[in-house]
N, C-alpha and C. Protein backbone atom coordinates (compact mmCIF):
# COMPACT_ATOMS: atom_id res chain seq x y z
N MET A 1 79.91 99.47 94.18
CA MET A 1 80.72 99.77 95.36
C MET A 1 79.82 100.10 96.53
N LYS A 2 80.15 99.53 97.70
CA LYS A 2 79.35 99.83 98.87
C LYS A 2 79.54 101.29 99.29
N GLN A 3 78.51 101.85 99.89
CA GLN A 3 78.59 103.23 100.36
C GLN A 3 79.43 103.31 101.62
N LEU A 4 79.95 104.50 101.86
CA LEU A 4 80.61 104.73 103.14
C LEU A 4 79.58 104.62 104.25
N PRO A 5 80.02 104.32 105.46
CA PRO A 5 79.08 104.31 106.58
C PRO A 5 78.37 105.65 106.70
N ALA A 6 77.12 105.61 107.08
CA ALA A 6 76.33 106.84 107.20
C ALA A 6 77.03 107.82 108.15
N GLY A 7 77.08 109.08 107.72
CA GLY A 7 77.65 110.12 108.57
C GLY A 7 79.15 110.09 108.68
N ALA A 8 79.84 109.43 107.72
CA ALA A 8 81.30 109.41 107.77
C ALA A 8 81.84 110.83 107.71
N ALA A 9 82.79 111.13 108.60
CA ALA A 9 83.36 112.48 108.66
C ALA A 9 84.66 112.55 107.88
N LEU A 10 84.85 113.66 107.19
CA LEU A 10 86.12 113.92 106.49
C LEU A 10 87.04 114.70 107.44
N ILE A 11 88.27 114.21 107.60
CA ILE A 11 89.27 114.87 108.43
C ILE A 11 90.40 115.34 107.52
N VAL A 12 90.58 116.65 107.40
CA VAL A 12 91.60 117.23 106.51
C VAL A 12 92.75 117.73 107.38
N ILE A 13 93.93 117.14 107.20
CA ILE A 13 95.03 117.31 108.15
C ILE A 13 96.18 118.14 107.57
N ASP A 14 96.47 119.26 108.18
CA ASP A 14 97.71 120.02 107.98
C ASP A 14 98.01 120.41 106.53
N VAL A 15 97.02 120.88 105.82
CA VAL A 15 97.26 121.33 104.44
C VAL A 15 97.71 122.79 104.53
N GLN A 16 98.96 123.00 104.91
CA GLN A 16 99.46 124.31 105.28
C GLN A 16 100.63 124.78 104.42
N GLN A 17 100.80 126.08 104.37
CA GLN A 17 101.84 126.69 103.54
C GLN A 17 103.25 126.27 103.96
N ALA A 18 103.41 125.84 105.20
CA ALA A 18 104.73 125.42 105.68
C ALA A 18 105.35 124.35 104.79
N PHE A 19 104.53 123.53 104.18
CA PHE A 19 105.04 122.44 103.36
C PHE A 19 105.56 122.89 102.00
N GLU A 20 105.47 124.19 101.73
CA GLU A 20 106.07 124.74 100.51
C GLU A 20 107.55 125.06 100.71
N ASP A 21 108.02 125.00 101.95
CA ASP A 21 109.42 125.34 102.22
C ASP A 21 110.35 124.31 101.58
N PRO A 22 111.39 124.77 100.87
CA PRO A 22 112.28 123.81 100.18
C PRO A 22 113.06 122.88 101.10
N SER A 23 113.12 123.19 102.37
CA SER A 23 113.88 122.35 103.30
C SER A 23 113.32 120.93 103.40
N TRP A 24 112.06 120.74 103.00
CA TRP A 24 111.47 119.40 103.05
C TRP A 24 112.05 118.46 102.01
N GLY A 25 112.57 118.99 100.93
CA GLY A 25 113.08 118.14 99.86
C GLY A 25 112.00 117.80 98.84
N ALA A 26 112.26 116.75 98.07
CA ALA A 26 111.35 116.36 96.99
C ALA A 26 110.07 115.75 97.56
N ARG A 27 108.96 116.04 96.88
CA ARG A 27 107.65 115.57 97.32
C ARG A 27 107.00 114.73 96.24
N ASN A 28 106.10 113.85 96.64
CA ASN A 28 105.30 113.10 95.67
C ASN A 28 103.91 113.73 95.55
N ASN A 29 103.13 113.23 94.64
CA ASN A 29 101.71 113.58 94.46
C ASN A 29 101.42 115.08 94.55
N GLN A 30 101.83 115.79 93.53
CA GLN A 30 101.58 117.23 93.48
C GLN A 30 100.10 117.56 93.32
N GLN A 31 99.27 116.54 93.05
CA GLN A 31 97.84 116.76 92.87
C GLN A 31 97.05 116.57 94.17
N ALA A 32 97.73 116.32 95.27
CA ALA A 32 97.01 116.03 96.51
C ALA A 32 96.07 117.16 96.91
N GLU A 33 96.53 118.40 96.83
CA GLU A 33 95.68 119.52 97.27
C GLU A 33 94.44 119.66 96.40
N ASP A 34 94.58 119.41 95.09
CA ASP A 34 93.41 119.49 94.21
C ASP A 34 92.40 118.39 94.56
N ASN A 35 92.89 117.21 94.87
CA ASN A 35 91.98 116.13 95.26
C ASN A 35 91.34 116.39 96.62
N ILE A 36 92.08 117.01 97.51
CA ILE A 36 91.50 117.41 98.80
C ILE A 36 90.38 118.41 98.58
N ALA A 37 90.60 119.37 97.68
CA ALA A 37 89.56 120.35 97.38
C ALA A 37 88.30 119.67 96.85
N MET A 38 88.47 118.65 96.01
CA MET A 38 87.32 117.94 95.47
C MET A 38 86.61 117.12 96.55
N LEU A 39 87.36 116.54 97.46
CA LEU A 39 86.74 115.84 98.58
C LEU A 39 85.92 116.81 99.43
N LEU A 40 86.50 117.97 99.73
CA LEU A 40 85.77 118.97 100.51
C LEU A 40 84.49 119.38 99.80
N SER A 41 84.58 119.58 98.49
CA SER A 41 83.40 119.97 97.73
C SER A 41 82.33 118.90 97.80
N ALA A 42 82.74 117.62 97.66
CA ALA A 42 81.78 116.51 97.72
C ALA A 42 81.15 116.43 99.11
N TRP A 43 81.94 116.59 100.15
CA TRP A 43 81.39 116.52 101.51
C TRP A 43 80.42 117.67 101.77
N ARG A 44 80.77 118.84 101.27
CA ARG A 44 79.88 119.98 101.47
C ARG A 44 78.57 119.79 100.71
N ARG A 45 78.64 119.27 99.49
CA ARG A 45 77.42 119.02 98.74
C ARG A 45 76.54 118.00 99.44
N ALA A 46 77.18 116.98 100.01
CA ALA A 46 76.44 115.91 100.68
C ALA A 46 76.01 116.30 102.10
N ARG A 47 76.47 117.47 102.57
CA ARG A 47 76.18 117.93 103.94
C ARG A 47 76.61 116.91 104.98
N GLN A 48 77.76 116.31 104.72
CA GLN A 48 78.35 115.36 105.66
C GLN A 48 79.30 116.11 106.59
N PRO A 49 79.54 115.57 107.79
CA PRO A 49 80.42 116.27 108.74
C PRO A 49 81.87 116.29 108.27
N LEU A 50 82.53 117.39 108.52
CA LEU A 50 83.96 117.49 108.20
C LEU A 50 84.66 118.33 109.26
N TYR A 51 85.95 118.02 109.42
CA TYR A 51 86.77 118.70 110.42
C TYR A 51 88.12 119.05 109.80
N HIS A 52 88.54 120.28 110.00
CA HIS A 52 89.86 120.72 109.56
C HIS A 52 90.82 120.61 110.74
N VAL A 53 92.02 120.08 110.49
CA VAL A 53 93.05 120.00 111.51
C VAL A 53 94.23 120.84 111.05
N GLN A 54 94.73 121.68 111.94
CA GLN A 54 95.82 122.59 111.60
C GLN A 54 96.91 122.48 112.66
N HIS A 55 98.15 122.30 112.20
CA HIS A 55 99.27 122.19 113.15
C HIS A 55 99.67 123.58 113.61
N ARG A 56 99.68 123.76 114.92
CA ARG A 56 100.03 125.06 115.52
C ARG A 56 101.17 124.81 116.50
N SER A 57 102.39 125.03 116.02
CA SER A 57 103.56 124.76 116.83
C SER A 57 103.75 125.82 117.91
N GLN A 58 104.22 125.38 119.06
CA GLN A 58 104.54 126.29 120.15
C GLN A 58 106.02 126.66 120.15
N ARG A 59 106.77 126.10 119.22
CA ARG A 59 108.21 126.29 119.18
C ARG A 59 108.59 127.48 118.31
N ALA A 60 109.31 128.43 118.89
CA ALA A 60 109.78 129.58 118.13
C ALA A 60 110.67 129.11 116.99
N GLY A 61 110.48 129.69 115.82
CA GLY A 61 111.27 129.31 114.66
C GLY A 61 110.65 128.20 113.83
N SER A 62 109.58 127.59 114.32
CA SER A 62 108.93 126.53 113.56
C SER A 62 108.22 127.10 112.35
N LEU A 63 108.20 126.33 111.27
CA LEU A 63 107.46 126.72 110.07
C LEU A 63 105.96 126.76 110.33
N PHE A 64 105.52 126.12 111.42
CA PHE A 64 104.09 126.03 111.76
C PHE A 64 103.70 126.95 112.92
N HIS A 65 104.60 127.84 113.30
CA HIS A 65 104.25 128.78 114.37
C HIS A 65 103.17 129.73 113.86
N PRO A 66 102.18 130.05 114.68
CA PRO A 66 101.07 130.90 114.20
C PRO A 66 101.47 132.29 113.75
N ASP A 67 102.68 132.74 114.09
CA ASP A 67 103.10 134.08 113.70
C ASP A 67 103.81 134.12 112.36
N VAL A 68 103.97 132.98 111.69
CA VAL A 68 104.68 132.96 110.41
C VAL A 68 103.74 132.51 109.29
N PRO A 69 104.07 132.87 108.04
CA PRO A 69 103.17 132.55 106.92
C PRO A 69 102.89 131.06 106.75
N GLY A 70 103.83 130.20 107.13
CA GLY A 70 103.65 128.77 106.95
C GLY A 70 102.47 128.19 107.71
N PHE A 71 102.01 128.90 108.72
CA PHE A 71 100.88 128.42 109.51
C PHE A 71 99.59 128.43 108.71
N ARG A 72 99.51 129.29 107.70
CA ARG A 72 98.25 129.46 106.97
C ARG A 72 97.90 128.21 106.16
N VAL A 73 96.61 127.99 106.04
CA VAL A 73 96.10 126.86 105.25
C VAL A 73 96.19 127.20 103.77
N LYS A 74 96.51 126.22 102.95
CA LYS A 74 96.56 126.43 101.51
C LYS A 74 95.15 126.70 100.98
N PRO A 75 95.04 127.45 99.88
CA PRO A 75 93.71 127.85 99.37
C PRO A 75 92.77 126.68 99.10
N GLN A 76 93.30 125.55 98.66
CA GLN A 76 92.43 124.42 98.31
C GLN A 76 91.71 123.83 99.52
N ALA A 77 92.23 124.10 100.72
CA ALA A 77 91.67 123.45 101.91
C ALA A 77 91.18 124.46 102.94
N GLU A 78 91.00 125.69 102.55
CA GLU A 78 90.57 126.70 103.52
C GLU A 78 89.18 126.36 104.08
N PRO A 79 89.04 126.42 105.39
CA PRO A 79 87.72 126.17 105.99
C PRO A 79 86.72 127.26 105.60
N LEU A 80 85.49 126.87 105.42
CA LEU A 80 84.41 127.84 105.24
C LEU A 80 83.92 128.30 106.61
N PRO A 81 83.30 129.47 106.66
CA PRO A 81 82.77 129.94 107.94
C PRO A 81 81.86 128.89 108.59
N GLY A 82 82.10 128.66 109.86
CA GLY A 82 81.29 127.70 110.60
C GLY A 82 81.82 126.28 110.61
N GLU A 83 82.78 125.96 109.74
CA GLU A 83 83.36 124.62 109.74
C GLU A 83 84.37 124.49 110.87
N PRO A 84 84.32 123.38 111.62
CA PRO A 84 85.20 123.25 112.80
C PRO A 84 86.66 123.10 112.42
N VAL A 85 87.52 123.79 113.18
CA VAL A 85 88.97 123.70 113.01
C VAL A 85 89.56 123.22 114.34
N ILE A 86 90.35 122.16 114.26
CA ILE A 86 91.03 121.58 115.42
C ILE A 86 92.50 121.96 115.33
N TYR A 87 93.05 122.52 116.40
CA TYR A 87 94.47 122.89 116.43
C TYR A 87 95.24 121.88 117.27
N LYS A 88 96.34 121.39 116.71
CA LYS A 88 97.17 120.41 117.41
C LYS A 88 98.62 120.89 117.42
N ASN A 89 99.43 120.30 118.29
CA ASN A 89 100.86 120.64 118.28
C ASN A 89 101.76 119.41 118.30
N VAL A 90 101.17 118.24 118.02
CA VAL A 90 101.94 117.01 117.84
C VAL A 90 101.42 116.33 116.57
N ASN A 91 101.95 115.13 116.27
CA ASN A 91 101.56 114.47 115.02
C ASN A 91 100.10 114.05 115.00
N SER A 92 99.60 113.52 116.11
CA SER A 92 98.23 113.01 116.14
C SER A 92 97.21 114.13 116.29
N SER A 93 96.14 114.02 115.52
CA SER A 93 95.04 114.98 115.63
C SER A 93 94.22 114.77 116.89
N PHE A 94 94.48 113.67 117.61
CA PHE A 94 93.72 113.35 118.82
C PHE A 94 94.41 113.79 120.11
N ILE A 95 95.73 113.91 120.08
CA ILE A 95 96.48 114.23 121.30
C ILE A 95 96.39 115.73 121.58
N GLY A 96 95.95 116.07 122.79
CA GLY A 96 95.87 117.47 123.18
C GLY A 96 94.74 118.24 122.54
N THR A 97 93.79 117.52 121.93
CA THR A 97 92.63 118.16 121.30
C THR A 97 91.36 117.49 121.79
N ASP A 98 90.23 118.07 121.40
CA ASP A 98 88.95 117.47 121.76
C ASP A 98 88.29 116.77 120.57
N LEU A 99 89.11 116.37 119.58
CA LEU A 99 88.55 115.76 118.37
C LEU A 99 87.77 114.49 118.69
N GLU A 100 88.34 113.60 119.50
CA GLU A 100 87.64 112.36 119.80
C GLU A 100 86.30 112.64 120.48
N GLN A 101 86.29 113.57 121.42
CA GLN A 101 85.04 113.91 122.11
C GLN A 101 84.01 114.49 121.16
N ARG A 102 84.47 115.33 120.24
CA ARG A 102 83.54 115.91 119.26
C ARG A 102 82.92 114.82 118.39
N LEU A 103 83.75 113.89 117.95
CA LEU A 103 83.25 112.82 117.08
C LEU A 103 82.23 111.95 117.81
N HIS A 104 82.55 111.58 119.04
CA HIS A 104 81.61 110.76 119.80
C HIS A 104 80.32 111.52 120.08
N ALA A 105 80.43 112.79 120.40
CA ALA A 105 79.24 113.60 120.69
C ALA A 105 78.33 113.71 119.48
N ALA A 106 78.94 113.70 118.28
CA ALA A 106 78.17 113.79 117.05
C ALA A 106 77.70 112.43 116.55
N GLY A 107 78.06 111.37 117.26
CA GLY A 107 77.65 110.02 116.84
C GLY A 107 78.39 109.51 115.62
N ILE A 108 79.58 110.04 115.37
CA ILE A 108 80.36 109.65 114.19
C ILE A 108 81.18 108.41 114.49
N THR A 109 81.08 107.42 113.62
CA THR A 109 81.81 106.17 113.82
C THR A 109 82.80 105.87 112.69
N ALA A 110 82.78 106.66 111.62
CA ALA A 110 83.67 106.42 110.47
C ALA A 110 84.37 107.71 110.09
N LEU A 111 85.66 107.60 109.77
CA LEU A 111 86.48 108.75 109.42
C LEU A 111 87.17 108.53 108.08
N VAL A 112 87.19 109.57 107.26
CA VAL A 112 87.95 109.57 106.01
C VAL A 112 89.05 110.62 106.18
N THR A 113 90.32 110.17 106.15
CA THR A 113 91.44 111.07 106.42
C THR A 113 92.22 111.39 105.17
N CYS A 114 92.72 112.61 105.11
CA CYS A 114 93.57 113.05 104.01
C CYS A 114 94.44 114.19 104.52
N GLY A 115 95.44 114.57 103.73
CA GLY A 115 96.28 115.70 104.14
C GLY A 115 97.75 115.42 103.97
N ILE A 116 98.56 116.14 104.76
CA ILE A 116 100.02 116.11 104.66
C ILE A 116 100.58 115.98 106.09
N THR A 117 101.52 115.06 106.28
CA THR A 117 102.13 114.15 105.34
C THR A 117 101.62 112.73 105.59
N THR A 118 101.73 111.92 104.53
CA THR A 118 101.21 110.55 104.59
C THR A 118 101.77 109.77 105.76
N ASP A 119 103.09 109.84 105.94
CA ASP A 119 103.76 108.97 106.91
C ASP A 119 103.92 109.58 108.28
N HIS A 120 103.54 110.84 108.45
CA HIS A 120 103.64 111.47 109.76
C HIS A 120 102.25 111.72 110.33
N CYS A 121 101.69 112.91 110.11
CA CYS A 121 100.46 113.27 110.81
C CYS A 121 99.23 112.51 110.31
N VAL A 122 99.16 112.21 109.02
CA VAL A 122 98.02 111.43 108.52
C VAL A 122 98.09 110.01 109.07
N SER A 123 99.26 109.39 109.00
CA SER A 123 99.43 108.04 109.51
C SER A 123 99.16 107.97 111.01
N THR A 124 99.72 108.89 111.77
CA THR A 124 99.55 108.85 113.22
C THR A 124 98.08 109.02 113.60
N THR A 125 97.40 109.93 112.93
CA THR A 125 95.97 110.14 113.19
C THR A 125 95.17 108.90 112.83
N ALA A 126 95.47 108.30 111.67
CA ALA A 126 94.73 107.11 111.24
C ALA A 126 94.98 105.93 112.17
N ARG A 127 96.20 105.77 112.64
CA ARG A 127 96.50 104.68 113.56
C ARG A 127 95.70 104.83 114.86
N MET A 128 95.68 106.03 115.38
CA MET A 128 94.94 106.26 116.62
C MET A 128 93.44 106.11 116.39
N ALA A 129 92.96 106.59 115.24
CA ALA A 129 91.53 106.44 114.94
C ALA A 129 91.14 104.97 114.91
N GLY A 130 91.98 104.14 114.27
CA GLY A 130 91.71 102.72 114.24
C GLY A 130 91.72 102.10 115.63
N ASN A 131 92.69 102.51 116.44
CA ASN A 131 92.76 101.99 117.81
C ASN A 131 91.58 102.44 118.66
N PHE A 132 91.04 103.62 118.36
CA PHE A 132 89.88 104.11 119.09
C PHE A 132 88.59 103.45 118.63
N GLY A 133 88.66 102.65 117.58
CA GLY A 133 87.48 101.92 117.12
C GLY A 133 86.73 102.57 115.99
N PHE A 134 87.26 103.65 115.42
CA PHE A 134 86.60 104.26 114.27
C PHE A 134 86.85 103.44 113.02
N ASP A 135 85.87 103.35 112.15
CA ASP A 135 86.01 102.75 110.82
C ASP A 135 86.76 103.77 109.98
N THR A 136 88.04 103.53 109.74
CA THR A 136 88.93 104.57 109.22
C THR A 136 89.34 104.31 107.77
N TYR A 137 89.34 105.36 106.98
CA TYR A 137 89.74 105.32 105.57
C TYR A 137 90.83 106.37 105.34
N ILE A 138 91.77 106.07 104.45
CA ILE A 138 92.79 107.03 104.03
C ILE A 138 92.69 107.18 102.53
N VAL A 139 92.72 108.42 102.07
CA VAL A 139 92.59 108.70 100.63
C VAL A 139 93.99 108.78 100.04
N SER A 140 94.36 107.78 99.28
CA SER A 140 95.75 107.62 98.82
C SER A 140 96.25 108.77 97.96
N ASP A 141 95.40 109.30 97.10
CA ASP A 141 95.84 110.38 96.20
C ASP A 141 95.44 111.76 96.72
N ALA A 142 95.00 111.83 97.96
CA ALA A 142 94.75 113.11 98.63
C ALA A 142 95.66 113.23 99.85
N THR A 143 96.79 112.53 99.77
CA THR A 143 97.86 112.65 100.75
C THR A 143 99.17 112.76 99.99
N ALA A 144 100.20 113.24 100.69
CA ALA A 144 101.52 113.38 100.05
C ALA A 144 102.58 113.44 101.14
N THR A 145 103.82 113.13 100.74
CA THR A 145 104.91 113.23 101.69
C THR A 145 106.20 113.60 100.97
N PHE A 146 107.31 113.49 101.68
CA PHE A 146 108.61 113.95 101.18
C PHE A 146 109.64 112.83 101.27
N GLU A 147 110.72 113.03 100.55
CA GLU A 147 111.83 112.08 100.61
C GLU A 147 112.43 112.09 102.02
N ARG A 148 113.06 110.98 102.39
CA ARG A 148 113.68 110.85 103.71
C ARG A 148 115.04 110.16 103.58
N VAL A 149 115.86 110.36 104.60
CA VAL A 149 117.12 109.64 104.71
C VAL A 149 117.07 108.84 106.00
N GLY A 150 117.29 107.52 105.90
CA GLY A 150 117.22 106.65 107.06
C GLY A 150 118.43 106.80 107.97
N PRO A 151 118.42 106.16 109.13
CA PRO A 151 119.52 106.28 110.07
C PRO A 151 120.84 105.71 109.55
N ASP A 152 120.74 104.85 108.54
CA ASP A 152 121.96 104.30 107.94
C ASP A 152 122.43 105.10 106.74
N GLY A 153 121.76 106.23 106.48
CA GLY A 153 122.14 107.08 105.36
C GLY A 153 121.47 106.73 104.06
N ARG A 154 120.66 105.68 104.04
CA ARG A 154 119.99 105.29 102.80
C ARG A 154 118.90 106.30 102.46
N HIS A 155 118.81 106.62 101.18
CA HIS A 155 117.80 107.58 100.70
C HIS A 155 116.53 106.85 100.28
N TYR A 156 115.39 107.39 100.70
CA TYR A 156 114.09 106.86 100.30
C TYR A 156 113.33 107.96 99.57
N THR A 157 112.84 107.67 98.39
CA THR A 157 112.10 108.68 97.64
C THR A 157 110.77 108.98 98.33
N ALA A 158 110.21 110.11 97.99
CA ALA A 158 108.90 110.48 98.54
C ALA A 158 107.85 109.44 98.18
N GLN A 159 107.91 108.90 96.96
CA GLN A 159 106.92 107.89 96.56
C GLN A 159 107.10 106.61 97.35
N GLN A 160 108.34 106.24 97.63
CA GLN A 160 108.58 105.05 98.46
C GLN A 160 108.01 105.24 99.86
N MET A 161 108.23 106.40 100.44
CA MET A 161 107.72 106.69 101.78
C MET A 161 106.20 106.65 101.79
N HIS A 162 105.60 107.25 100.78
CA HIS A 162 104.15 107.29 100.64
C HIS A 162 103.58 105.88 100.51
N ASP A 163 104.14 105.11 99.59
CA ASP A 163 103.61 103.77 99.31
C ASP A 163 103.75 102.83 100.50
N THR A 164 104.90 102.86 101.16
CA THR A 164 105.10 101.95 102.29
C THR A 164 104.25 102.36 103.48
N ALA A 165 104.05 103.66 103.67
CA ALA A 165 103.17 104.12 104.76
C ALA A 165 101.75 103.60 104.55
N LEU A 166 101.25 103.73 103.33
CA LEU A 166 99.90 103.26 103.04
C LEU A 166 99.80 101.73 103.15
N ALA A 167 100.84 101.03 102.68
CA ALA A 167 100.84 99.57 102.76
C ALA A 167 100.80 99.11 104.21
N SER A 168 101.50 99.83 105.08
CA SER A 168 101.53 99.47 106.50
C SER A 168 100.18 99.69 107.17
N LEU A 169 99.45 100.69 106.72
CA LEU A 169 98.16 101.03 107.33
C LEU A 169 97.01 100.18 106.81
N HIS A 170 97.04 99.86 105.53
CA HIS A 170 95.90 99.21 104.88
C HIS A 170 95.63 97.83 105.47
N GLY A 171 94.39 97.62 105.85
CA GLY A 171 93.98 96.33 106.36
C GLY A 171 94.30 96.11 107.83
N GLU A 172 95.04 97.02 108.42
CA GLU A 172 95.39 96.90 109.84
C GLU A 172 94.76 98.02 110.66
N PHE A 173 95.02 99.26 110.24
CA PHE A 173 94.45 100.41 110.93
C PHE A 173 93.35 101.10 110.12
N ALA A 174 93.38 100.91 108.81
CA ALA A 174 92.49 101.68 107.94
C ALA A 174 92.32 100.95 106.61
N THR A 175 91.39 101.48 105.81
CA THR A 175 91.20 101.03 104.43
C THR A 175 91.68 102.15 103.51
N VAL A 176 92.57 101.83 102.60
CA VAL A 176 93.12 102.82 101.68
C VAL A 176 92.31 102.81 100.40
N MET A 177 91.84 103.99 99.98
CA MET A 177 91.04 104.14 98.76
C MET A 177 91.45 105.41 98.04
N THR A 178 91.15 105.50 96.76
CA THR A 178 91.41 106.72 96.00
C THR A 178 90.30 107.74 96.25
N ALA A 179 90.56 108.98 95.87
CA ALA A 179 89.55 110.03 96.02
C ALA A 179 88.31 109.71 95.19
N ALA A 180 88.50 109.22 93.96
CA ALA A 180 87.36 108.90 93.10
C ALA A 180 86.49 107.82 93.74
N ALA A 181 87.13 106.80 94.33
CA ALA A 181 86.38 105.71 94.96
C ALA A 181 85.65 106.21 96.20
N ILE A 182 86.28 107.07 96.96
CA ILE A 182 85.65 107.62 98.16
C ILE A 182 84.43 108.46 97.78
N ILE A 183 84.58 109.31 96.77
CA ILE A 183 83.46 110.16 96.36
C ILE A 183 82.32 109.33 95.80
N ALA A 184 82.67 108.28 95.04
CA ALA A 184 81.62 107.39 94.53
C ALA A 184 80.90 106.70 95.69
N ALA A 185 81.66 106.28 96.70
CA ALA A 185 81.06 105.62 97.85
C ALA A 185 80.21 106.57 98.68
N LEU A 186 80.53 107.86 98.57
CA LEU A 186 79.73 108.87 99.26
C LEU A 186 78.42 109.13 98.51
N GLY A 187 78.35 108.64 97.27
CA GLY A 187 77.15 108.85 96.47
C GLY A 187 77.24 110.08 95.60
N GLN A 188 78.50 110.58 95.42
CA GLN A 188 78.71 111.76 94.61
C GLN A 188 79.35 111.38 93.28
N SER A 189 79.32 112.29 92.34
CA SER A 189 80.03 112.11 91.08
C SER A 189 81.52 112.22 91.33
N SER A 190 82.32 111.48 90.55
CA SER A 190 83.77 111.55 90.69
C SER A 190 84.35 112.68 89.85
N SER A 191 83.68 113.81 89.80
CA SER A 191 84.19 114.99 89.10
C SER A 191 84.15 116.17 90.04
N GLY A 192 84.93 117.17 89.69
CA GLY A 192 85.03 118.35 90.53
C GLY A 192 83.85 119.27 90.33
N PRO A 193 83.87 120.42 91.04
CA PRO A 193 82.74 121.34 91.00
C PRO A 193 82.48 121.95 89.63
N ASN A 194 83.50 121.93 88.74
CA ASN A 194 83.33 122.46 87.39
C ASN A 194 83.18 121.35 86.35
N GLY A 195 82.89 120.11 86.84
CA GLY A 195 82.75 119.00 85.92
C GLY A 195 84.07 118.39 85.48
N LEU A 196 85.18 118.80 86.11
CA LEU A 196 86.49 118.29 85.74
C LEU A 196 86.76 116.98 86.47
N PRO A 197 87.46 116.06 85.82
CA PRO A 197 87.76 114.80 86.50
C PRO A 197 88.74 115.01 87.64
N LEU A 198 88.74 114.07 88.57
CA LEU A 198 89.68 114.13 89.68
C LEU A 198 91.11 114.12 89.15
N ALA A 199 91.96 114.94 89.78
CA ALA A 199 93.38 114.95 89.40
C ALA A 199 94.02 113.65 89.85
N ARG A 200 95.02 113.22 89.10
CA ARG A 200 95.72 111.98 89.41
C ARG A 200 97.16 112.30 89.82
N SER A 201 97.71 111.47 90.70
CA SER A 201 99.09 111.65 91.12
C SER A 201 100.02 111.12 90.03
């Protein structure tokens, strides 16, 4: 397998407690957070650049408002001291933030994206990254989403939403790969920090 482009940055998007609220409905890939933790561990071992993105809503009553518990990052994705955190208030990690400027200033041309949700903030960020000219990757088993109901009342399972979102992105805006493949391409072992294999969805 070919290696990732040199200096590829990991972008971890919205891995926050707000997504534990039952109002979201059924979710797919319960192993996403564990795989995100393993990606973070691999990036830290490789001393590759990484950026945390956190949704900070300005709307009172939002699950992502900074004054409520949902704003907090889940334990698997907590930033370490000194790691950059980007705060956004819309779906894209680029709108209203300095993420693009930071990436260009650091000479970064390739991005590996993961987080929650596949079809909203991860997809929107990946689409914009592709349009901005970044060599963009999405980690299929380090993302997750929820069931939806369409405008005609039809129900779509979380797995259907996840799969179709990735299918729409792959080959057009980004390259979709598994966490194991990404870590192998980074030159790391496809096992976690305790020698455990990557979790599967």
